[in-house]
Amino acid sequence: MNEFKVCDICEAVDSESMIKRLKEIDPEAEIVVGCTGFCGIGATKPFVIVNGIPAIAVTEDEVINKVKEILNN
């Protein structure tokens, strides 16, 4: 089972949008919402932690593409 960690505090992360998109990728995944300790990054860039691997990019679309890449490897 996949696990996605999404911060709902960081300014660069739209957690509601990110969670919706992650559920589309894997409806069975566990989604953990809360501080992930990536505050410095999350202040300027959206990110998701996928099975312990950070997916960080400039836009949410790029993060989603990285999530898909991680899951396919």
N, C-alpha and C. Protein backbone atom coordinates (compact mmCIF):
# COMPACT_ATOMS: atom_id res chain seq x y z
N MET A 1 0.85 -1.19 0.00
CA MET A 1 0.00 0.00 0.00
C MET A 1 0.89 1.24 0.00
N ASN A 2 0.55 2.19 -0.85
CA ASN A 2 1.30 3.43 -0.92
C ASN A 2 0.89 4.37 0.20
N GLU A 3 1.84 5.24 0.57
CA GLU A 3 1.57 6.25 1.59
C GLU A 3 2.00 7.60 1.05
N PHE A 4 1.09 8.57 1.14
CA PHE A 4 1.37 9.95 0.77
C PHE A 4 1.28 10.81 2.02
N LYS A 5 2.29 11.64 2.22
CA LYS A 5 2.27 12.59 3.33
C LYS A 5 2.15 13.99 2.74
N VAL A 6 1.13 14.71 3.19
CA VAL A 6 0.84 16.05 2.68
C VAL A 6 0.77 17.02 3.85
N CYS A 7 1.47 18.15 3.72
CA CYS A 7 1.42 19.16 4.77
C CYS A 7 0.21 20.06 4.54
N ASP A 8 -0.51 20.34 5.62
CA ASP A 8 -1.65 21.25 5.53
C ASP A 8 -1.34 22.60 6.16
N ILE A 9 -0.05 22.84 6.45
CA ILE A 9 0.38 24.09 7.07
C ILE A 9 1.22 24.94 6.12
N CYS A 10 2.07 24.30 5.33
CA CYS A 10 2.98 25.01 4.44
C CYS A 10 2.24 25.88 3.43
N GLU A 11 2.74 27.08 3.22
CA GLU A 11 2.08 28.04 2.34
C GLU A 11 2.09 27.63 0.87
N ALA A 12 3.11 26.92 0.41
CA ALA A 12 3.21 26.57 -1.00
C ALA A 12 2.42 25.31 -1.36
N VAL A 13 1.84 24.65 -0.37
CA VAL A 13 1.10 23.42 -0.61
C VAL A 13 -0.40 23.68 -0.47
N ASP A 14 -1.14 23.42 -1.54
CA ASP A 14 -2.60 23.48 -1.49
C ASP A 14 -3.05 22.06 -1.14
N SER A 15 -3.15 21.80 0.15
CA SER A 15 -3.38 20.42 0.61
C SER A 15 -4.68 19.83 0.08
N GLU A 16 -5.75 20.60 -0.01
CA GLU A 16 -7.02 20.06 -0.51
C GLU A 16 -6.89 19.61 -1.96
N SER A 17 -6.29 20.43 -2.78
CA SER A 17 -6.09 20.09 -4.18
C SER A 17 -5.16 18.89 -4.32
N MET A 18 -4.07 18.91 -3.54
CA MET A 18 -3.09 17.83 -3.62
C MET A 18 -3.71 16.49 -3.21
N ILE A 19 -4.48 16.49 -2.14
CA ILE A 19 -5.11 15.26 -1.67
C ILE A 19 -6.07 14.71 -2.72
N LYS A 20 -6.86 15.59 -3.32
CA LYS A 20 -7.79 15.17 -4.37
C LYS A 20 -7.04 14.50 -5.52
N ARG A 21 -5.96 15.11 -5.94
CA ARG A 21 -5.19 14.57 -7.07
C ARG A 21 -4.50 13.26 -6.71
N LEU A 22 -4.02 13.15 -5.48
CA LEU A 22 -3.37 11.92 -5.04
C LEU A 22 -4.37 10.77 -4.98
N LYS A 23 -5.59 11.06 -4.55
CA LYS A 23 -6.64 10.03 -4.51
C LYS A 23 -6.98 9.54 -5.90
N GLU A 24 -6.86 10.41 -6.89
CA GLU A 24 -7.09 10.00 -8.28
C GLU A 24 -6.00 9.04 -8.76
N ILE A 25 -4.78 9.27 -8.30
CA ILE A 25 -3.65 8.41 -8.68
C ILE A 25 -3.78 7.04 -8.01
N ASP A 26 -4.07 7.05 -6.70
CA ASP A 26 -4.19 5.79 -5.96
C ASP A 26 -5.25 5.92 -4.87
N PRO A 27 -6.48 5.52 -5.18
CA PRO A 27 -7.57 5.65 -4.21
C PRO A 27 -7.38 4.81 -2.96
N GLU A 28 -6.53 3.79 -3.02
CA GLU A 28 -6.30 2.90 -1.88
C GLU A 28 -5.17 3.36 -0.96
N ALA A 29 -4.42 4.37 -1.38
CA ALA A 29 -3.26 4.82 -0.62
C ALA A 29 -3.66 5.43 0.72
N GLU A 30 -2.77 5.30 1.67
CA GLU A 30 -2.95 5.99 2.95
C GLU A 30 -2.45 7.42 2.77
N ILE A 31 -3.27 8.39 3.12
CA ILE A 31 -2.87 9.79 3.01
C ILE A 31 -2.78 10.36 4.43
N VAL A 32 -1.57 10.74 4.80
CA VAL A 32 -1.31 11.31 6.12
C VAL A 32 -1.21 12.82 5.95
N VAL A 33 -2.03 13.56 6.68
CA VAL A 33 -2.06 15.01 6.56
C VAL A 33 -1.54 15.63 7.85
N GLY A 34 -0.58 16.53 7.72
CA GLY A 34 0.00 17.21 8.87
C GLY A 34 1.41 17.65 8.57
N CYS A 35 2.05 18.27 9.54
CA CYS A 35 3.41 18.76 9.36
C CYS A 35 4.35 17.59 9.05
N THR A 36 5.18 17.78 8.03
CA THR A 36 6.13 16.74 7.63
C THR A 36 7.57 17.12 7.96
N GLY A 37 7.77 18.32 8.49
CA GLY A 37 9.11 18.78 8.83
C GLY A 37 9.87 19.34 7.63
N PHE A 38 9.17 19.60 6.52
CA PHE A 38 9.80 20.17 5.33
C PHE A 38 9.43 21.66 5.22
N CYS A 39 9.38 22.34 6.35
CA CYS A 39 8.88 23.71 6.41
C CYS A 39 9.64 24.68 5.51
N GLY A 40 10.95 24.56 5.45
CA GLY A 40 11.74 25.45 4.61
C GLY A 40 11.38 25.31 3.15
N ILE A 41 11.24 24.07 2.69
CA ILE A 41 10.86 23.82 1.31
C ILE A 41 9.40 24.20 1.08
N GLY A 42 8.54 23.83 1.99
CA GLY A 42 7.11 24.06 1.85
C GLY A 42 6.70 25.53 1.85
N ALA A 43 7.62 26.40 2.27
CA ALA A 43 7.32 27.83 2.24
C ALA A 43 7.35 28.37 0.82
N THR A 44 8.07 27.68 -0.08
CA THR A 44 8.22 28.19 -1.44
C THR A 44 7.85 27.21 -2.54
N LYS A 45 7.80 25.90 -2.24
CA LYS A 45 7.54 24.90 -3.27
C LYS A 45 6.55 23.86 -2.77
N PRO A 46 5.65 23.42 -3.63
CA PRO A 46 4.76 22.32 -3.24
C PRO A 46 5.53 21.00 -3.21
N PHE A 47 5.08 20.11 -2.36
CA PHE A 47 5.73 18.80 -2.24
C PHE A 47 4.78 17.78 -1.65
N VAL A 48 5.13 16.51 -1.84
CA VAL A 48 4.45 15.37 -1.24
C VAL A 48 5.54 14.37 -0.91
N ILE A 49 5.38 13.65 0.18
CA ILE A 49 6.30 12.57 0.48
C ILE A 49 5.60 11.27 0.10
N VAL A 50 6.23 10.54 -0.82
CA VAL A 50 5.66 9.32 -1.40
C VAL A 50 6.45 8.12 -0.90
N ASN A 51 5.83 7.32 -0.06
CA ASN A 51 6.52 6.13 0.47
C ASN A 51 7.91 6.48 1.01
N GLY A 52 7.99 7.63 1.69
CA GLY A 52 9.25 8.07 2.30
C GLY A 52 10.16 8.86 1.38
N ILE A 53 9.78 9.04 0.12
CA ILE A 53 10.60 9.77 -0.85
C ILE A 53 9.94 11.12 -1.15
N PRO A 54 10.66 12.23 -0.93
CA PRO A 54 10.07 13.54 -1.22
C PRO A 54 9.94 13.78 -2.73
N ALA A 55 8.79 14.28 -3.14
CA ALA A 55 8.54 14.73 -4.50
C ALA A 55 8.35 16.24 -4.41
N ILE A 56 9.35 17.00 -4.86
CA ILE A 56 9.36 18.45 -4.72
C ILE A 56 9.50 19.07 -6.10
N ALA A 57 8.74 20.12 -6.38
CA ALA A 57 8.83 20.79 -7.68
C ALA A 57 8.38 22.23 -7.55
N VAL A 58 8.36 22.93 -8.67
CA VAL A 58 7.97 24.33 -8.69
C VAL A 58 6.45 24.49 -8.72
N THR A 59 5.76 23.54 -9.38
CA THR A 59 4.30 23.61 -9.48
C THR A 59 3.68 22.31 -8.98
N GLU A 60 2.40 22.38 -8.67
CA GLU A 60 1.68 21.18 -8.23
C GLU A 60 1.64 20.14 -9.35
N ASP A 61 1.45 20.58 -10.58
CA ASP A 61 1.44 19.63 -11.71
C ASP A 61 2.76 18.86 -11.79
N GLU A 62 3.88 19.56 -11.59
CA GLU A 62 5.18 18.89 -11.63
C GLU A 62 5.33 17.91 -10.47
N VAL A 63 4.80 18.27 -9.30
CA VAL A 63 4.85 17.35 -8.16
C VAL A 63 4.07 16.08 -8.49
N ILE A 64 2.89 16.24 -9.06
CA ILE A 64 2.07 15.08 -9.41
C ILE A 64 2.80 14.19 -10.41
N ASN A 65 3.47 14.79 -11.39
CA ASN A 65 4.26 14.00 -12.34
C ASN A 65 5.38 13.24 -11.64
N LYS A 66 6.02 13.87 -10.67
CA LYS A 66 7.08 13.20 -9.92
C LYS A 66 6.51 12.06 -9.07
N VAL A 67 5.34 12.27 -8.50
CA VAL A 67 4.68 11.20 -7.73
C VAL A 67 4.46 9.99 -8.63
N LYS A 68 3.95 10.22 -9.83
CA LYS A 68 3.72 9.12 -10.77
C LYS A 68 5.02 8.41 -11.13
N GLU A 69 6.10 9.18 -11.32
CA GLU A 69 7.40 8.59 -11.62
C GLU A 69 7.88 7.70 -10.47
N ILE A 70 7.75 8.20 -9.25
CA ILE A 70 8.17 7.42 -8.08
C ILE A 70 7.39 6.11 -8.00
N LEU A 71 6.09 6.17 -8.20
CA LEU A 71 5.25 5.00 -8.10
C LEU A 71 5.53 3.99 -9.22
N ASN A 72 6.00 4.47 -10.36
CA ASN A 72 6.27 3.59 -11.49
C ASN A 72 7.67 2.98 -11.45
N ASN A 73 8.50 3.40 -10.53
CA ASN A 73 9.86 2.84 -10.44
C ASN A 73 9.95 1.73 -9.44
